Full PDB file with SEQRES, HELIX, SHEET, SSBOND, CRYST1, ORIGX, SCALE, CONECT and MASTER records, all heavy atoms in Angstrom:
SEQRES   1 A   42  GLU MET ALA ARG THR GLY ARG THR LEU MET GLN SER ILE          
SEQRES   2 A   42  VAL SER PRO VAL ILE SER THR SER LEU TYR PHE ILE VAL          
SEQRES   3 A   42  PHE GLY ALA ALA ILE GLY SER ARG ILE PRO GLN SER HIS          
SEQRES   4 A   42  GLY ILE SER                                                  
HELIX    1 AA1 MET A    2  ARG A    7  1                                   6    
HELIX    2 AA2 LEU A    9  LEU A    9  1                                   1    
HELIX    3 AA3 MET A   10  VAL A   14  3                                   5    
HELIX    4 AA4 SER A   15  TYR A   23  1                                   9    
HELIX    5 AA5 PHE A   24  ILE A   31  3                                   8    
HELIX    6 AA6 GLY A   32  ARG A   34  5                                   3    
CRYST1    1.000    1.000    1.000  90.00  90.00  90.00 P 1           1          
ORIGX1      1.000000  0.000000  0.000000        0.00000                         
ORIGX2      0.000000  1.000000  0.000000        0.00000                         
ORIGX3      0.000000  0.000000  1.000000        0.00000                         
SCALE1      1.000000  0.000000  0.000000        0.00000                         
SCALE2      0.000000  1.000000  0.000000        0.00000                         
SCALE3      0.000000  0.000000  1.000000        0.00000                         
ATOM      1  N   GLU A   1     -40.472  77.151  80.387  1.00  0.00           N  
ATOM      2  CA  GLU A   1     -39.257  76.463  79.958  1.00  0.00           C  
ATOM      3  C   GLU A   1     -39.249  76.227  78.449  1.00  0.00           C  
ATOM      4  O   GLU A   1     -38.204  76.345  77.803  1.00  0.00           O  
ATOM      5  CB  GLU A   1     -39.123  75.127  80.701  1.00  0.00           C  
ATOM      6  CG  GLU A   1     -38.713  75.273  82.140  1.00  0.00           C  
ATOM      7  CD  GLU A   1     -37.332  75.894  82.274  1.00  0.00           C  
ATOM      8  OE1 GLU A   1     -36.363  75.329  81.723  1.00  0.00           O  
ATOM      9  OE2 GLU A   1     -37.228  76.960  82.906  1.00  0.00           O  
ATOM     10  N   MET A   2     -40.391  75.886  77.893  1.00  0.00           N  
ATOM     11  CA  MET A   2     -40.458  75.673  76.451  1.00  0.00           C  
ATOM     12  C   MET A   2     -40.273  76.980  75.688  1.00  0.00           C  
ATOM     13  O   MET A   2     -39.674  77.001  74.612  1.00  0.00           O  
ATOM     14  CB  MET A   2     -41.799  75.034  76.077  1.00  0.00           C  
ATOM     15  CG  MET A   2     -41.979  73.606  76.587  1.00  0.00           C  
ATOM     16  SD  MET A   2     -40.699  72.459  76.024  1.00  0.00           S  
ATOM     17  CE  MET A   2     -41.006  72.454  74.262  1.00  0.00           C  
ATOM     18  N   ALA A   3     -40.765  78.077  76.269  1.00  0.00           N  
ATOM     19  CA  ALA A   3     -40.591  79.379  75.631  1.00  0.00           C  
ATOM     20  C   ALA A   3     -39.120  79.782  75.595  1.00  0.00           C  
ATOM     21  O   ALA A   3     -38.670  80.458  74.665  1.00  0.00           O  
ATOM     22  CB  ALA A   3     -41.411  80.441  76.362  1.00  0.00           C  
ATOM     23  N   ARG A   4     -38.359  79.355  76.612  1.00  0.00           N  
ATOM     24  CA  ARG A   4     -36.921  79.662  76.628  1.00  0.00           C  
ATOM     25  C   ARG A   4     -36.213  79.020  75.444  1.00  0.00           C  
ATOM     26  O   ARG A   4     -35.253  79.574  74.914  1.00  0.00           O  
ATOM     27  CB  ARG A   4     -36.311  79.175  77.951  1.00  0.00           C  
ATOM     28  CG  ARG A   4     -34.844  79.495  78.105  1.00  0.00           C  
ATOM     29  CD  ARG A   4     -34.415  79.416  79.563  1.00  0.00           C  
ATOM     30  NE  ARG A   4     -34.701  78.108  80.132  1.00  0.00           N  
ATOM     31  CZ  ARG A   4     -33.908  77.048  79.981  1.00  0.00           C  
ATOM     32  NH1 ARG A   4     -32.793  77.154  79.271  1.00  0.00           N  
ATOM     33  NH2 ARG A   4     -34.201  75.891  80.548  1.00  0.00           N  
ATOM     34  N   THR A   5     -36.697  77.860  75.005  1.00  0.00           N  
ATOM     35  CA  THR A   5     -36.125  77.216  73.828  1.00  0.00           C  
ATOM     36  C   THR A   5     -36.329  78.074  72.593  1.00  0.00           C  
ATOM     37  O   THR A   5     -35.438  78.196  71.747  1.00  0.00           O  
ATOM     38  CB  THR A   5     -36.770  75.831  73.615  1.00  0.00           C  
ATOM     39  OG1 THR A   5     -36.543  75.024  74.765  1.00  0.00           O  
ATOM     40  CG2 THR A   5     -36.195  75.137  72.391  1.00  0.00           C  
ATOM     41  N   GLY A   6     -37.512  78.681  72.493  1.00  0.00           N  
ATOM     42  CA  GLY A   6     -37.781  79.551  71.357  1.00  0.00           C  
ATOM     43  C   GLY A   6     -36.884  80.772  71.338  1.00  0.00           C  
ATOM     44  O   GLY A   6     -36.506  81.265  70.268  1.00  0.00           O  
ATOM     45  N   ARG A   7     -36.501  81.254  72.536  1.00  0.00           N  
ATOM     46  CA  ARG A   7     -35.631  82.432  72.611  1.00  0.00           C  
ATOM     47  C   ARG A   7     -34.170  82.081  72.345  1.00  0.00           C  
ATOM     48  O   ARG A   7     -33.372  82.952  72.023  1.00  0.00           O  
ATOM     49  CB  ARG A   7     -35.762  83.095  73.989  1.00  0.00           C  
ATOM     50  CG  ARG A   7     -37.145  83.645  74.289  1.00  0.00           C  
ATOM     51  CD  ARG A   7     -37.115  84.541  75.510  1.00  0.00           C  
ATOM     52  NE  ARG A   7     -36.721  83.810  76.711  1.00  0.00           N  
ATOM     53  CZ  ARG A   7     -37.570  83.195  77.535  1.00  0.00           C  
ATOM     54  NH1 ARG A   7     -38.870  83.218  77.262  1.00  0.00           N  
ATOM     55  NH2 ARG A   7     -37.145  82.560  78.602  1.00  0.00           N  
ATOM     56  N   THR A   8     -33.839  80.811  72.510  1.00  0.00           N  
ATOM     57  CA  THR A   8     -32.442  80.370  72.295  1.00  0.00           C  
ATOM     58  C   THR A   8     -32.423  79.266  71.237  1.00  0.00           C  
ATOM     59  O   THR A   8     -31.788  78.238  71.421  1.00  0.00           O  
ATOM     60  CB  THR A   8     -31.824  79.862  73.610  1.00  0.00           C  
ATOM     61  OG1 THR A   8     -32.620  78.763  74.120  1.00  0.00           O  
ATOM     62  CG2 THR A   8     -31.767  80.963  74.642  1.00  0.00           C  
ATOM     63  N   LEU A   9     -33.131  79.496  70.162  1.00  0.00           N  
ATOM     64  CA  LEU A   9     -33.308  78.465  69.136  1.00  0.00           C  
ATOM     65  C   LEU A   9     -31.972  78.018  68.540  1.00  0.00           C  
ATOM     66  O   LEU A   9     -31.756  76.833  68.288  1.00  0.00           O  
ATOM     67  CB  LEU A   9     -34.228  78.993  68.037  1.00  0.00           C  
ATOM     68  CG  LEU A   9     -34.833  77.941  67.088  1.00  0.00           C  
ATOM     69  CD1 LEU A   9     -35.693  76.962  67.862  1.00  0.00           C  
ATOM     70  CD2 LEU A   9     -35.635  78.628  66.001  1.00  0.00           C  
ATOM     71  N   MET A  10     -31.073  78.961  68.319  1.00  0.00           N  
ATOM     72  CA  MET A  10     -29.775  78.624  67.731  1.00  0.00           C  
ATOM     73  C   MET A  10     -28.993  77.672  68.631  1.00  0.00           C  
ATOM     74  O   MET A  10     -28.417  76.678  68.162  1.00  0.00           O  
ATOM     75  CB  MET A  10     -28.965  79.899  67.495  1.00  0.00           C  
ATOM     76  CG  MET A  10     -27.634  79.675  66.788  1.00  0.00           C  
ATOM     77  SD  MET A  10     -27.810  79.079  65.093  1.00  0.00           S  
ATOM     78  CE  MET A  10     -28.533  80.528  64.322  1.00  0.00           C  
ATOM     79  N   GLN A  11     -28.982  77.949  69.913  1.00  0.00           N  
ATOM     80  CA  GLN A  11     -28.232  77.124  70.854  1.00  0.00           C  
ATOM     81  C   GLN A  11     -28.942  75.811  71.156  1.00  0.00           C  
ATOM     82  O   GLN A  11     -28.302  74.761  71.292  1.00  0.00           O  
ATOM     83  CB  GLN A  11     -28.018  77.899  72.154  1.00  0.00           C  
ATOM     84  CG  GLN A  11     -27.315  77.111  73.239  1.00  0.00           C  
ATOM     85  CD  GLN A  11     -27.212  77.904  74.536  1.00  0.00           C  
ATOM     86  OE1 GLN A  11     -27.533  79.086  74.591  1.00  0.00           O  
ATOM     87  NE2 GLN A  11     -26.772  77.240  75.598  1.00  0.00           N  
ATOM     88  N   SER A  12     -30.281  75.853  71.262  1.00  0.00           N  
ATOM     89  CA  SER A  12     -31.039  74.683  71.699  1.00  0.00           C  
ATOM     90  C   SER A  12     -31.271  73.661  70.599  1.00  0.00           C  
ATOM     91  O   SER A  12     -31.274  72.458  70.861  1.00  0.00           O  
ATOM     92  CB  SER A  12     -32.396  75.126  72.271  1.00  0.00           C  
ATOM     93  OG  SER A  12     -32.227  76.021  73.347  1.00  0.00           O  
ATOM     94  N   ILE A  13     -31.495  74.109  69.383  1.00  0.00           N  
ATOM     95  CA  ILE A  13     -31.863  73.200  68.293  1.00  0.00           C  
ATOM     96  C   ILE A  13     -30.848  73.206  67.161  1.00  0.00           C  
ATOM     97  O   ILE A  13     -30.325  72.156  66.768  1.00  0.00           O  
ATOM     98  CB  ILE A  13     -33.260  73.559  67.738  1.00  0.00           C  
ATOM     99  CG1 ILE A  13     -34.319  73.479  68.843  1.00  0.00           C  
ATOM    100  CG2 ILE A  13     -33.617  72.635  66.584  1.00  0.00           C  
ATOM    101  CD1 ILE A  13     -34.541  72.092  69.404  1.00  0.00           C  
ATOM    102  N   VAL A  14     -30.566  74.386  66.632  1.00  0.00           N  
ATOM    103  CA  VAL A  14     -29.748  74.477  65.419  1.00  0.00           C  
ATOM    104  C   VAL A  14     -28.337  73.953  65.642  1.00  0.00           C  
ATOM    105  O   VAL A  14     -27.817  73.156  64.858  1.00  0.00           O  
ATOM    106  CB  VAL A  14     -29.705  75.931  64.899  1.00  0.00           C  
ATOM    107  CG1 VAL A  14     -28.802  76.027  63.673  1.00  0.00           C  
ATOM    108  CG2 VAL A  14     -31.112  76.416  64.565  1.00  0.00           C  
ATOM    109  N   SER A  15     -27.705  74.383  66.742  1.00  0.00           N  
ATOM    110  CA  SER A  15     -26.322  73.973  67.004  1.00  0.00           C  
ATOM    111  C   SER A  15     -26.166  72.456  67.150  1.00  0.00           C  
ATOM    112  O   SER A  15     -25.277  71.859  66.518  1.00  0.00           O  
ATOM    113  CB  SER A  15     -25.793  74.689  68.252  1.00  0.00           C  
ATOM    114  OG  SER A  15     -24.478  74.298  68.545  1.00  0.00           O  
ATOM    115  N   PRO A  16     -27.013  71.767  67.959  1.00  0.00           N  
ATOM    116  CA  PRO A  16     -26.878  70.306  68.042  1.00  0.00           C  
ATOM    117  C   PRO A  16     -27.126  69.594  66.712  1.00  0.00           C  
ATOM    118  O   PRO A  16     -26.452  68.597  66.410  1.00  0.00           O  
ATOM    119  CB  PRO A  16     -27.937  69.914  69.083  1.00  0.00           C  
ATOM    120  CG  PRO A  16     -28.164  71.138  69.891  1.00  0.00           C  
ATOM    121  CD  PRO A  16     -27.988  72.272  68.933  1.00  0.00           C  
ATOM    122  N   VAL A  17     -28.059  70.102  65.922  1.00  0.00           N  
ATOM    123  CA  VAL A  17     -28.339  69.473  64.632  1.00  0.00           C  
ATOM    124  C   VAL A  17     -27.151  69.624  63.685  1.00  0.00           C  
ATOM    125  O   VAL A  17     -26.755  68.675  62.990  1.00  0.00           O  
ATOM    126  CB  VAL A  17     -29.611  70.080  63.995  1.00  0.00           C  
ATOM    127  CG1 VAL A  17     -29.778  69.603  62.552  1.00  0.00           C  
ATOM    128  CG2 VAL A  17     -30.835  69.697  64.813  1.00  0.00           C  
ATOM    129  N   ILE A  18     -26.541  70.812  63.671  1.00  0.00           N  
ATOM    130  CA  ILE A  18     -25.368  71.034  62.818  1.00  0.00           C  
ATOM    131  C   ILE A  18     -24.212  70.143  63.268  1.00  0.00           C  
ATOM    132  O   ILE A  18     -23.519  69.528  62.439  1.00  0.00           O  
ATOM    133  CB  ILE A  18     -24.954  72.519  62.846  1.00  0.00           C  
ATOM    134  CG1 ILE A  18     -26.020  73.377  62.143  1.00  0.00           C  
ATOM    135  CG2 ILE A  18     -23.599  72.710  62.167  1.00  0.00           C  
ATOM    136  CD1 ILE A  18     -25.739  74.862  62.196  1.00  0.00           C  
ATOM    137  N   SER A  19     -23.995  70.057  64.590  1.00  0.00           N  
ATOM    138  CA  SER A  19     -22.908  69.227  65.107  1.00  0.00           C  
ATOM    139  C   SER A  19     -23.107  67.762  64.713  1.00  0.00           C  
ATOM    140  O   SER A  19     -22.162  67.085  64.286  1.00  0.00           O  
ATOM    141  CB  SER A  19     -22.831  69.349  66.636  1.00  0.00           C  
ATOM    142  OG  SER A  19     -22.559  70.672  67.025  1.00  0.00           O  
ATOM    143  N   THR A  20     -24.335  67.268  64.852  1.00  0.00           N  
ATOM    144  CA  THR A  20     -24.612  65.877  64.497  1.00  0.00           C  
ATOM    145  C   THR A  20     -24.478  65.662  62.995  1.00  0.00           C  
ATOM    146  O   THR A  20     -23.997  64.606  62.555  1.00  0.00           O  
ATOM    147  CB  THR A  20     -26.020  65.482  64.960  1.00  0.00           C  
ATOM    148  OG1 THR A  20     -26.162  65.780  66.348  1.00  0.00           O  
ATOM    149  CG2 THR A  20     -26.268  63.999  64.750  1.00  0.00           C  
ATOM    150  N   SER A  21     -24.872  66.652  62.210  1.00  0.00           N  
ATOM    151  CA  SER A  21     -24.732  66.545  60.757  1.00  0.00           C  
ATOM    152  C   SER A  21     -23.261  66.420  60.363  1.00  0.00           C  
ATOM    153  O   SER A  21     -22.917  65.686  59.428  1.00  0.00           O  
ATOM    154  CB  SER A  21     -25.356  67.766  60.073  1.00  0.00           C  
ATOM    155  OG  SER A  21     -26.745  67.847  60.339  1.00  0.00           O  
ATOM    156  N   LEU A  22     -22.390  67.123  61.097  1.00  0.00           N  
ATOM    157  CA  LEU A  22     -20.959  67.012  60.825  1.00  0.00           C  
ATOM    158  C   LEU A  22     -20.457  65.601  61.109  1.00  0.00           C  
ATOM    159  O   LEU A  22     -19.589  65.077  60.393  1.00  0.00           O  
ATOM    160  CB  LEU A  22     -20.189  68.032  61.658  1.00  0.00           C  
ATOM    161  CG  LEU A  22     -20.377  69.498  61.260  1.00  0.00           C  
ATOM    162  CD1 LEU A  22     -19.645  70.417  62.235  1.00  0.00           C  
ATOM    163  CD2 LEU A  22     -19.879  69.743  59.839  1.00  0.00           C  
ATOM    164  N   TYR A  23     -21.007  64.970  62.151  1.00  0.00           N  
ATOM    165  CA  TYR A  23     -20.652  63.573  62.434  1.00  0.00           C  
ATOM    166  C   TYR A  23     -21.045  62.680  61.267  1.00  0.00           C  
ATOM    167  O   TYR A  23     -20.294  61.774  60.864  1.00  0.00           O  
ATOM    168  CB  TYR A  23     -21.351  63.082  63.701  1.00  0.00           C  
ATOM    169  CG  TYR A  23     -20.689  63.504  64.982  1.00  0.00           C  
ATOM    170  CD1 TYR A  23     -21.365  64.302  65.899  1.00  0.00           C  
ATOM    171  CD2 TYR A  23     -19.405  63.084  65.316  1.00  0.00           C  
ATOM    172  CE1 TYR A  23     -20.781  64.688  67.099  1.00  0.00           C  
ATOM    173  CE2 TYR A  23     -18.812  63.460  66.512  1.00  0.00           C  
ATOM    174  CZ  TYR A  23     -19.500  64.259  67.399  1.00  0.00           C  
ATOM    175  OH  TYR A  23     -18.912  64.636  68.574  1.00  0.00           O  
ATOM    176  N   PHE A  24     -22.238  62.916  60.715  1.00  0.00           N  
ATOM    177  CA  PHE A  24     -22.690  62.111  59.578  1.00  0.00           C  
ATOM    178  C   PHE A  24     -21.756  62.305  58.382  1.00  0.00           C  
ATOM    179  O   PHE A  24     -21.412  61.352  57.677  1.00  0.00           O  
ATOM    180  CB  PHE A  24     -24.111  62.504  59.176  1.00  0.00           C  
ATOM    181  CG  PHE A  24     -25.170  61.993  60.091  1.00  0.00           C  
ATOM    182  CD1 PHE A  24     -26.070  62.860  60.695  1.00  0.00           C  
ATOM    183  CD2 PHE A  24     -25.283  60.640  60.367  1.00  0.00           C  
ATOM    184  CE1 PHE A  24     -27.054  62.394  61.547  1.00  0.00           C  
ATOM    185  CE2 PHE A  24     -26.262  60.168  61.218  1.00  0.00           C  
ATOM    186  CZ  PHE A  24     -27.149  61.045  61.806  1.00  0.00           C  
ATOM    187  N   ILE A  25     -21.345  63.552  58.156  1.00  0.00           N  
ATOM    188  CA  ILE A  25     -20.488  63.835  57.007  1.00  0.00           C  
ATOM    189  C   ILE A  25     -19.122  63.181  57.175  1.00  0.00           C  
ATOM    190  O   ILE A  25     -18.601  62.531  56.269  1.00  0.00           O  
ATOM    191  CB  ILE A  25     -20.345  65.363  56.814  1.00  0.00           C  
ATOM    192  CG1 ILE A  25     -21.704  65.980  56.425  1.00  0.00           C  
ATOM    193  CG2 ILE A  25     -19.295  65.668  55.750  1.00  0.00           C  
ATOM    194  CD1 ILE A  25     -21.708  67.487  56.411  1.00  0.00           C  
ATOM    195  N   VAL A  26     -18.541  63.350  58.381  1.00  0.00           N  
ATOM    196  CA  VAL A  26     -17.189  62.846  58.615  1.00  0.00           C  
ATOM    197  C   VAL A  26     -17.172  61.330  58.729  1.00  0.00           C  
ATOM    198  O   VAL A  26     -16.432  60.634  58.026  1.00  0.00           O  
ATOM    199  CB  VAL A  26     -16.577  63.486  59.876  1.00  0.00           C  
ATOM    200  CG1 VAL A  26     -15.229  62.835  60.200  1.00  0.00           C  
ATOM    201  CG2 VAL A  26     -16.421  64.983  59.686  1.00  0.00           C  
ATOM    202  N   PHE A  27     -18.022  60.791  59.632  1.00  0.00           N  
ATOM    203  CA  PHE A  27     -18.001  59.350  59.875  1.00  0.00           C  
ATOM    204  C   PHE A  27     -18.795  58.582  58.822  1.00  0.00           C  
ATOM    205  O   PHE A  27     -18.365  57.511  58.384  1.00  0.00           O  
ATOM    206  CB  PHE A  27     -18.558  59.038  61.266  1.00  0.00           C  
ATOM    207  CG  PHE A  27     -17.628  59.430  62.376  1.00  0.00           C  
ATOM    208  CD1 PHE A  27     -17.751  60.667  62.993  1.00  0.00           C  
ATOM    209  CD2 PHE A  27     -16.639  58.574  62.815  1.00  0.00           C  
ATOM    210  CE1 PHE A  27     -16.898  61.038  64.025  1.00  0.00           C  
ATOM    211  CE2 PHE A  27     -15.776  58.929  63.841  1.00  0.00           C  
ATOM    212  CZ  PHE A  27     -15.904  60.165  64.439  1.00  0.00           C  
ATOM    213  N   GLY A  28     -19.964  59.121  58.466  1.00  0.00           N  
ATOM    214  CA  GLY A  28     -20.822  58.387  57.544  1.00  0.00           C  
ATOM    215  C   GLY A  28     -20.334  58.409  56.110  1.00  0.00           C  
ATOM    216  O   GLY A  28     -20.329  57.385  55.429  1.00  0.00           O  
ATOM    217  N   ALA A  29     -19.900  59.580  55.656  1.00  0.00           N  
ATOM    218  CA  ALA A  29     -19.494  59.703  54.256  1.00  0.00           C  
ATOM    219  C   ALA A  29     -18.004  59.464  54.071  1.00  0.00           C  
ATOM    220  O   ALA A  29     -17.587  58.572  53.331  1.00  0.00           O  
ATOM    221  CB  ALA A  29     -19.873  61.095  53.735  1.00  0.00           C  
ATOM    222  N   ALA A  30     -17.182  60.251  54.749  1.00  0.00           N  
ATOM    223  CA  ALA A  30     -15.737  60.168  54.544  1.00  0.00           C  
ATOM    224  C   ALA A  30     -15.166  58.843  55.031  1.00  0.00           C  
ATOM    225  O   ALA A  30     -14.502  58.116  54.277  1.00  0.00           O  
ATOM    226  CB  ALA A  30     -15.052  61.337  55.252  1.00  0.00           C  
ATOM    227  N   ILE A  31     -15.420  58.497  56.294  1.00  0.00           N  
ATOM    228  CA  ILE A  31     -14.870  57.262  56.857  1.00  0.00           C  
ATOM    229  C   ILE A  31     -15.734  56.064  56.484  1.00  0.00           C  
ATOM    230  O   ILE A  31     -15.223  54.980  56.192  1.00  0.00           O  
ATOM    231  CB  ILE A  31     -14.742  57.384  58.389  1.00  0.00           C  
ATOM    232  CG1 ILE A  31     -13.787  58.534  58.733  1.00  0.00           C  
ATOM    233  CG2 ILE A  31     -14.255  56.081  59.001  1.00  0.00           C  
ATOM    234  CD1 ILE A  31     -13.631  58.772  60.215  1.00  0.00           C  
ATOM    235  N   GLY A  32     -17.042  56.247  56.487  1.00  0.00           N  
ATOM    236  CA  GLY A  32     -17.950  55.134  56.214  1.00  0.00           C  
ATOM    237  C   GLY A  32     -17.760  54.519  54.841  1.00  0.00           C  
ATOM    238  O   GLY A  32     -17.994  53.314  54.646  1.00  0.00           O  
ATOM    239  N   SER A  33     -17.327  55.329  53.874  1.00  0.00           N  
ATOM    240  CA  SER A  33     -17.124  54.795  52.531  1.00  0.00           C  
ATOM    241  C   SER A  33     -15.958  53.813  52.478  1.00  0.00           C  
ATOM    242  O   SER A  33     -15.847  53.021  51.543  1.00  0.00           O  
ATOM    243  CB  SER A  33     -16.862  55.951  51.557  1.00  0.00           C  
ATOM    244  OG  SER A  33     -15.699  56.673  51.938  1.00  0.00           O  
ATOM    245  N   ARG A  34     -15.087  53.828  53.488  1.00  0.00           N  
ATOM    246  CA  ARG A  34     -13.924  52.942  53.531  1.00  0.00           C  
ATOM    247  C   ARG A  34     -14.138  51.757  54.467  1.00  0.00           C  
ATOM    248  O   ARG A  34     -13.254  50.929  54.637  1.00  0.00           O  
ATOM    249  CB  ARG A  34     -12.686  53.722  53.981  1.00  0.00           C  
ATOM    250  CG  ARG A  34     -12.338  54.871  53.059  1.00  0.00           C  
ATOM    251  CD  ARG A  34     -11.304  55.783  53.679  1.00  0.00           C  
ATOM    252  NE  ARG A  34     -11.024  56.892  52.769  1.00  0.00           N  
ATOM    253  CZ  ARG A  34      -9.889  57.025  52.083  1.00  0.00           C  
ATOM    254  NH1 ARG A  34      -8.945  56.100  52.194  1.00  0.00           N  
ATOM    255  NH2 ARG A  34      -9.694  58.049  51.287  1.00  0.00           N  
ATOM    256  N   ILE A  35     -15.293  51.718  55.131  1.00  0.00           N  
ATOM    257  CA  ILE A  35     -15.586  50.659  56.091  1.00  0.00           C  
ATOM    258  C   ILE A  35     -16.661  49.749  55.514  1.00  0.00           C  
ATOM    259  O   ILE A  35     -17.687  50.237  55.012  1.00  0.00           O  
ATOM    260  CB  ILE A  35     -16.056  51.245  57.438  1.00  0.00           C  
ATOM    261  CG1 ILE A  35     -14.952  52.112  58.049  1.00  0.00           C  
ATOM    262  CG2 ILE A  35     -16.462  50.147  58.410  1.00  0.00           C  
ATOM    263  CD1 ILE A  35     -15.356  52.783  59.350  1.00  0.00           C  
ATOM    264  N   PRO A  36     -16.468  48.452  55.550  1.00  0.00           N  
ATOM    265  CA  PRO A  36     -17.500  47.535  55.044  1.00  0.00           C  
ATOM    266  C   PRO A  36     -18.768  47.616  55.884  1.00  0.00           C  
ATOM    267  O   PRO A  36     -18.778  48.175  56.982  1.00  0.00           O  
ATOM    268  CB  PRO A  36     -16.831  46.159  55.166  1.00  0.00           C  
ATOM    269  CG  PRO A  36     -15.776  46.327  56.218  1.00  0.00           C  
ATOM    270  CD  PRO A  36     -15.286  47.743  56.077  1.00  0.00           C  
ATOM    271  N   GLN A  37     -19.809  47.029  55.367  1.00  0.00           N  
ATOM    272  CA  GLN A  37     -21.086  47.059  56.071  1.00  0.00           C  
ATOM    273  C   GLN A  37     -20.978  46.363  57.432  1.00  0.00           C  
ATOM    274  O   GLN A  37     -20.199  45.433  57.612  1.00  0.00           O  
ATOM    275  CB  GLN A  37     -22.163  46.379  55.236  1.00  0.00           C  
ATOM    276  CG  GLN A  37     -22.536  47.120  53.974  1.00  0.00           C  
ATOM    277  CD  GLN A  37     -23.684  46.457  53.253  1.00  0.00           C  
ATOM    278  OE1 GLN A  37     -23.991  45.292  53.477  1.00  0.00           O  
ATOM    279  NE2 GLN A  37     -24.349  47.192  52.374  1.00  0.00           N  
ATOM    280  N   SER A  38     -21.781  46.844  58.356  1.00  0.00           N  
ATOM    281  CA  SER A  38     -21.836  46.233  59.688  1.00  0.00           C  
ATOM    282  C   SER A  38     -23.164  45.508  59.826  1.00  0.00           C  
ATOM    283  O   SER A  38     -24.226  46.132  59.780  1.00  0.00           O  
ATOM    284  CB  SER A  38     -21.697  47.315  60.776  1.00  0.00           C  
ATOM    285  OG  SER A  38     -21.787  46.750  62.067  1.00  0.00           O  
ATOM    286  N   HIS A  39     -23.114  44.170  59.942  1.00  0.00           N  
ATOM    287  CA  HIS A  39     -24.319  43.352  60.055  1.00  0.00           C  
ATOM    288  C   HIS A  39     -25.252  43.571  58.865  1.00  0.00           C  
ATOM    289  O   HIS A  39     -26.479  43.575  59.012  1.00  0.00           O  
ATOM    290  CB  HIS A  39     -25.055  43.651  61.351  1.00  0.00           C  
ATOM    291  CG  HIS A  39     -24.243  43.372  62.584  1.00  0.00           C  
ATOM    292  ND1 HIS A  39     -24.051  42.113  63.087  1.00  0.00           N  
ATOM    293  CD2 HIS A  39     -23.562  44.218  63.419  1.00  0.00           C  
ATOM    294  CE1 HIS A  39     -23.303  42.170  64.174  1.00  0.00           C  
ATOM    295  NE2 HIS A  39     -22.974  43.430  64.394  1.00  0.00           N  
ATOM    296  N   GLY A  40     -24.670  43.803  57.700  1.00  0.00           N  
ATOM    297  CA  GLY A  40     -25.471  43.988  56.507  1.00  0.00           C  
ATOM    298  C   GLY A  40     -26.055  45.379  56.346  1.00  0.00           C  
ATOM    299  O   GLY A  40     -26.870  45.611  55.452  1.00  0.00           O  
ATOM    300  N   ILE A  41     -25.632  46.312  57.188  1.00  0.00           N  
ATOM    301  CA  ILE A  41     -26.137  47.685  57.148  1.00  0.00           C  
ATOM    302  C   ILE A  41     -24.973  48.609  56.829  1.00  0.00           C  
ATOM    303  O   ILE A  41     -23.860  48.425  57.337  1.00  0.00           O  
ATOM    304  CB  ILE A  41     -26.763  48.086  58.499  1.00  0.00           C  
ATOM    305  CG1 ILE A  41     -27.882  47.115  58.858  1.00  0.00           C  
ATOM    306  CG2 ILE A  41     -27.295  49.506  58.467  1.00  0.00           C  
ATOM    307  CD1 ILE A  41     -28.372  47.260  60.274  1.00  0.00           C  
ATOM    308  N   SER A  42     -25.206  49.604  55.985  1.00  0.00           N  
ATOM    309  CA  SER A  42     -24.146  50.555  55.670  1.00  0.00           C  
ATOM    310  C   SER A  42     -23.686  51.248  56.948  1.00  0.00           C  
ATOM    311  O   SER A  42     -24.485  51.486  57.866  1.00  0.00           O  
ATOM    312  CB  SER A  42     -24.641  51.590  54.658  1.00  0.00           C  
ATOM    313  OG  SER A  42     -25.609  52.442  55.244  1.00  0.00           O  
TER     314      SER A  42                                                      
MASTER        0    0    0    6    0    0    0    6  313    1    0    4          
END                                                                             
């Protein structure tokens, strides 16, 4: 099962990381810059 991850590295690892990075860019940078801190945390 672990070897199957190596054969599908783009789908198993790269794609989820890119998708999550887009969330950080959109929500964290674009929208987050307009939202005040939450509980003292950016």
